[in-house]
Structures are given as structure tokens and as C-alpha cells.
N, C-alpha and C. Protein backbone atom coordinates (compact mmCIF):
# COMPACT_ATOMS: atom_id res chain seq x y z
N MET A 1 -35.69 37.41 -151.87
CA MET A 1 -36.74 38.40 -151.70
C MET A 1 -36.57 39.55 -152.70
N ILE A 2 -35.38 40.04 -152.88
CA ILE A 2 -35.15 41.14 -153.82
C ILE A 2 -35.46 40.71 -155.24
N ILE A 3 -35.08 39.52 -155.60
CA ILE A 3 -35.35 39.02 -156.95
C ILE A 3 -36.85 38.97 -157.20
N PHE A 4 -37.62 38.51 -156.22
CA PHE A 4 -39.08 38.44 -156.38
C PHE A 4 -39.66 39.83 -156.61
N LEU A 5 -39.21 40.83 -155.88
CA LEU A 5 -39.73 42.18 -156.04
C LEU A 5 -39.40 42.73 -157.42
N VAL A 6 -38.21 42.46 -157.91
CA VAL A 6 -37.83 42.92 -159.24
C VAL A 6 -38.72 42.24 -160.29
N LEU A 7 -38.93 40.95 -160.18
CA LEU A 7 -39.78 40.24 -161.13
C LEU A 7 -41.22 40.73 -161.05
N SER A 8 -41.70 41.01 -159.84
CA SER A 8 -43.07 41.51 -159.68
C SER A 8 -43.25 42.84 -160.39
N ASN A 9 -42.28 43.72 -160.29
CA ASN A 9 -42.37 45.03 -160.95
C ASN A 9 -42.42 44.88 -162.46
N LEU A 10 -41.75 43.89 -162.99
CA LEU A 10 -41.77 43.68 -164.44
C LEU A 10 -43.13 43.16 -164.91
N LEU A 11 -43.89 42.54 -164.03
CA LEU A 11 -45.16 41.94 -164.40
C LEU A 11 -46.35 42.86 -164.14
N LEU A 12 -46.14 43.98 -163.47
CA LEU A 12 -47.21 44.92 -163.16
C LEU A 12 -47.03 46.16 -164.02
N HIS A 13 -47.99 46.44 -164.89
CA HIS A 13 -47.86 47.53 -165.85
C HIS A 13 -48.97 48.55 -165.66
N ALA A 14 -48.61 49.83 -165.59
CA ALA A 14 -49.61 50.89 -165.53
C ALA A 14 -50.23 51.05 -166.90
N MET A 15 -51.55 51.19 -166.92
CA MET A 15 -52.25 51.34 -168.19
C MET A 15 -52.86 52.72 -168.34
N ASP A 16 -53.35 53.28 -167.24
CA ASP A 16 -54.07 54.55 -167.31
C ASP A 16 -54.14 55.16 -165.93
N CYS A 17 -54.31 56.49 -165.87
CA CYS A 17 -54.43 57.18 -164.60
C CYS A 17 -55.31 58.40 -164.78
N GLU A 18 -56.22 58.63 -163.83
CA GLU A 18 -57.09 59.80 -163.84
C GLU A 18 -56.99 60.49 -162.49
N ASP A 19 -56.89 61.81 -162.50
CA ASP A 19 -56.81 62.60 -161.27
C ASP A 19 -57.99 63.56 -161.24
N THR A 20 -58.85 63.43 -160.23
CA THR A 20 -60.07 64.23 -160.19
C THR A 20 -59.81 65.71 -159.96
N ASP A 21 -58.69 66.07 -159.32
CA ASP A 21 -58.39 67.51 -159.15
C ASP A 21 -57.37 68.01 -160.17
N LYS A 22 -57.07 67.20 -161.15
CA LYS A 22 -56.27 67.57 -162.34
C LYS A 22 -54.86 68.04 -162.03
N GLY A 23 -54.19 67.40 -161.06
CA GLY A 23 -52.79 67.74 -160.81
C GLY A 23 -52.51 68.06 -159.35
N GLN A 24 -51.42 68.76 -159.13
CA GLN A 24 -51.01 69.12 -157.78
C GLN A 24 -51.73 70.40 -157.35
N VAL A 25 -52.96 70.24 -156.93
CA VAL A 25 -53.83 71.35 -156.53
C VAL A 25 -54.05 71.23 -155.03
N VAL A 26 -53.44 72.12 -154.23
CA VAL A 26 -53.47 71.96 -152.78
C VAL A 26 -54.81 72.33 -152.13
N ASN A 27 -55.58 73.20 -152.78
CA ASN A 27 -56.82 73.65 -152.14
C ASN A 27 -58.05 72.85 -152.56
N GLN A 28 -57.83 71.70 -153.20
CA GLN A 28 -58.94 70.83 -153.60
C GLN A 28 -58.54 69.38 -153.35
N ALA A 29 -59.34 68.67 -152.56
CA ALA A 29 -59.07 67.25 -152.32
C ALA A 29 -59.37 66.48 -153.60
N GLY A 30 -58.49 65.56 -153.93
CA GLY A 30 -58.67 64.78 -155.14
C GLY A 30 -58.42 63.31 -154.93
N VAL A 31 -58.67 62.56 -155.97
CA VAL A 31 -58.49 61.11 -155.97
C VAL A 31 -57.82 60.73 -157.28
N THR A 32 -56.82 59.86 -157.22
CA THR A 32 -56.31 59.26 -158.45
C THR A 32 -56.87 57.86 -158.58
N ILE A 33 -57.22 57.52 -159.80
CA ILE A 33 -57.71 56.18 -160.10
C ILE A 33 -56.79 55.62 -161.18
N SER A 34 -55.98 54.63 -160.80
CA SER A 34 -55.02 54.03 -161.72
C SER A 34 -55.51 52.66 -162.15
N THR A 35 -55.40 52.39 -163.42
CA THR A 35 -55.68 51.06 -163.93
C THR A 35 -54.35 50.38 -164.21
N VAL A 36 -54.15 49.23 -163.61
CA VAL A 36 -52.90 48.48 -163.80
C VAL A 36 -53.22 47.09 -164.32
N LYS A 37 -52.26 46.54 -165.03
CA LYS A 37 -52.40 45.18 -165.57
C LYS A 37 -51.37 44.30 -164.87
N ASP A 38 -51.83 43.25 -164.21
CA ASP A 38 -50.97 42.31 -163.50
C ASP A 38 -50.84 41.05 -164.35
N CYS A 39 -49.65 40.84 -164.89
CA CYS A 39 -49.43 39.69 -165.76
C CYS A 39 -48.70 38.56 -165.03
N SER A 40 -48.78 38.55 -163.70
CA SER A 40 -48.20 37.42 -162.96
C SER A 40 -49.16 36.24 -163.01
N HIS A 41 -50.39 36.46 -163.49
CA HIS A 41 -51.39 35.41 -163.65
C HIS A 41 -51.60 35.19 -165.15
N ASN A 42 -52.17 34.07 -165.48
CA ASN A 42 -52.49 33.82 -166.87
C ASN A 42 -53.98 33.53 -166.96
N PRO A 43 -54.78 34.34 -167.58
CA PRO A 43 -54.42 35.53 -168.34
C PRO A 43 -54.15 36.73 -167.44
N CYS A 44 -53.62 37.81 -168.03
CA CYS A 44 -53.37 39.04 -167.28
C CYS A 44 -54.68 39.57 -166.69
N VAL A 45 -54.58 40.22 -165.54
CA VAL A 45 -55.75 40.74 -164.85
C VAL A 45 -55.59 42.25 -164.69
N ALA A 46 -56.61 43.00 -165.10
CA ALA A 46 -56.60 44.46 -164.91
C ALA A 46 -57.34 44.79 -163.62
N SER A 47 -56.83 45.76 -162.88
CA SER A 47 -57.49 46.19 -161.65
C SER A 47 -57.27 47.69 -161.47
N GLN A 48 -58.05 48.28 -160.57
CA GLN A 48 -57.93 49.71 -160.30
C GLN A 48 -57.41 49.94 -158.89
N ILE A 49 -56.57 50.97 -158.76
CA ILE A 49 -56.04 51.40 -157.47
C ILE A 49 -56.51 52.82 -157.24
N VAL A 50 -57.17 53.07 -156.12
CA VAL A 50 -57.70 54.40 -155.79
C VAL A 50 -56.87 54.97 -154.64
N GLU A 51 -56.35 56.18 -154.84
CA GLU A 51 -55.54 56.85 -153.80
C GLU A 51 -56.10 58.26 -153.59
N ARG A 52 -56.35 58.61 -152.34
CA ARG A 52 -56.96 59.90 -152.00
C ARG A 52 -55.94 60.85 -151.38
N ASP A 53 -56.01 62.13 -151.79
CA ASP A 53 -55.20 63.14 -151.14
C ASP A 53 -55.54 63.13 -149.65
N SER A 54 -54.53 63.29 -148.81
CA SER A 54 -54.78 63.25 -147.37
C SER A 54 -53.80 64.15 -146.62
N CYS A 55 -54.19 64.54 -145.43
CA CYS A 55 -53.35 65.40 -144.59
C CYS A 55 -52.40 64.53 -143.78
N ILE A 56 -51.13 64.88 -143.81
CA ILE A 56 -50.14 64.22 -142.96
C ILE A 56 -50.25 64.82 -141.55
N ASP A 57 -50.37 66.13 -141.51
CA ASP A 57 -50.65 66.87 -140.29
C ASP A 57 -51.34 68.17 -140.70
N SER A 58 -51.46 69.13 -139.80
CA SER A 58 -52.21 70.36 -140.11
C SER A 58 -51.52 71.26 -141.13
N SER A 59 -50.24 71.00 -141.43
CA SER A 59 -49.54 71.86 -142.38
C SER A 59 -49.02 71.14 -143.63
N LYS A 60 -49.17 69.81 -143.69
CA LYS A 60 -48.63 69.05 -144.83
C LYS A 60 -49.70 68.18 -145.47
N LEU A 61 -49.68 68.19 -146.80
CA LEU A 61 -50.64 67.45 -147.61
C LEU A 61 -49.92 66.37 -148.41
N LEU A 62 -50.44 65.16 -148.39
CA LEU A 62 -49.96 64.10 -149.27
C LEU A 62 -50.84 64.16 -150.51
N GLU A 63 -50.26 64.67 -151.60
CA GLU A 63 -50.99 64.94 -152.84
C GLU A 63 -50.67 63.86 -153.87
N TYR A 64 -51.71 63.22 -154.40
CA TYR A 64 -51.56 62.25 -155.48
C TYR A 64 -51.87 62.93 -156.81
N TYR A 65 -51.13 62.55 -157.86
CA TYR A 65 -51.32 63.12 -159.19
C TYR A 65 -50.89 62.08 -160.21
N CYS A 66 -51.23 62.29 -161.46
CA CYS A 66 -50.87 61.36 -162.52
C CYS A 66 -49.69 61.90 -163.33
N LYS A 67 -48.80 61.01 -163.70
CA LYS A 67 -47.68 61.37 -164.57
C LYS A 67 -47.36 60.15 -165.43
N ASN A 68 -47.38 60.34 -166.74
CA ASN A 68 -47.09 59.26 -167.69
C ASN A 68 -47.95 58.03 -167.45
N GLY A 69 -49.22 58.25 -167.14
CA GLY A 69 -50.16 57.14 -166.96
C GLY A 69 -50.08 56.43 -165.63
N GLU A 70 -49.27 56.95 -164.70
CA GLU A 70 -49.10 56.33 -163.40
C GLU A 70 -49.44 57.31 -162.29
N SER A 71 -49.92 56.79 -161.16
CA SER A 71 -50.18 57.62 -159.99
C SER A 71 -48.86 57.85 -159.24
N LYS A 72 -48.60 59.10 -158.92
CA LYS A 72 -47.41 59.49 -158.16
C LYS A 72 -47.89 60.27 -156.93
N SER A 73 -47.01 60.48 -155.96
CA SER A 73 -47.38 61.26 -154.79
C SER A 73 -46.22 62.19 -154.40
N VAL A 74 -46.61 63.27 -153.74
CA VAL A 74 -45.63 64.24 -153.25
C VAL A 74 -46.21 64.86 -151.98
N VAL A 75 -45.33 65.20 -151.05
CA VAL A 75 -45.75 65.89 -149.83
C VAL A 75 -45.58 67.38 -150.08
N LEU A 76 -46.66 68.15 -149.91
CA LEU A 76 -46.65 69.59 -150.14
C LEU A 76 -46.98 70.32 -148.85
N LYS A 77 -46.34 71.45 -148.64
CA LYS A 77 -46.62 72.28 -147.47
C LYS A 77 -47.77 73.22 -147.81
N CYS A 78 -48.73 73.30 -146.91
CA CYS A 78 -49.87 74.19 -147.12
C CYS A 78 -49.43 75.65 -146.97
N PRO A 79 -50.05 76.56 -147.73
CA PRO A 79 -49.76 77.98 -147.57
C PRO A 79 -50.12 78.46 -146.16
N LYS A 80 -49.48 79.52 -145.75
CA LYS A 80 -49.75 80.10 -144.42
C LYS A 80 -51.24 80.44 -144.31
N ASN A 81 -51.81 80.21 -143.15
CA ASN A 81 -53.22 80.47 -142.84
C ASN A 81 -54.19 79.58 -143.62
N MET A 82 -53.67 78.46 -144.15
CA MET A 82 -54.53 77.48 -144.83
C MET A 82 -54.19 76.09 -144.29
N PRO A 83 -54.73 75.71 -143.14
CA PRO A 83 -54.39 74.41 -142.57
C PRO A 83 -54.96 73.27 -143.43
N CYS A 84 -54.32 72.13 -143.32
CA CYS A 84 -54.76 70.96 -144.06
C CYS A 84 -55.92 70.30 -143.31
N LYS A 85 -57.03 70.12 -144.04
CA LYS A 85 -58.22 69.47 -143.51
C LYS A 85 -58.87 68.67 -144.62
N TYR A 86 -59.25 67.45 -144.32
CA TYR A 86 -60.01 66.61 -145.26
C TYR A 86 -59.33 66.49 -146.64
N GLY A 87 -58.00 66.40 -146.66
CA GLY A 87 -57.28 66.17 -147.91
C GLY A 87 -57.02 67.40 -148.75
N ALA A 88 -57.12 68.59 -148.15
CA ALA A 88 -56.86 69.84 -148.90
C ALA A 88 -56.42 70.93 -147.92
N CYS A 89 -55.69 71.91 -148.46
CA CYS A 89 -55.32 73.10 -147.66
C CYS A 89 -56.49 74.08 -147.79
N GLN A 90 -57.09 74.41 -146.64
CA GLN A 90 -58.30 75.24 -146.69
C GLN A 90 -58.14 76.53 -145.91
């Protein structure tokens, strides 16, 4: 099982990433759209992965952003008096 996962990671390549809120912006809900190339098939197949900022609870935000052409995520604490709603601290 571990060998398969390692081989799968070698065959999946990030090609591009776009973040609609342009980074780690807590007061604006955003979406990352990543284009990846899966070369486990012949020929390689490109596909898109869409990830939306979302609230973990009323005080924590799961924020997606792009780094080096890949979608990454981080959990951020909302500022005081700005509860998390609809993917943003408001």
C-alpha cells in the first residue's frame, strides 16, 4: 500500500493554481482551482481540483491558497468579534 501511494505521487504533477481571494485573506471567501496532470494513464490526463475556503467552527477558518503552483491549506483563527461564516471571518 505504501509503495502504491509513493508511485501515485510521482505520477501526479501540479501544473497551475489560481486563488480567487489572492492568498490567505480571512475576511473574503475564496476558491482555489488547481490544474494537475495525472500520468498514471497513457496519455496523461489533465484535470482541475476546486477547493473552497470553509469554516471549521465559528472561530476557525480552513483557508486554501496557492504556493509554487499547488493548492495548500492552513487553519486560521478568526479575529475577535469576527465569527466565521460562509467561508470567511465576518
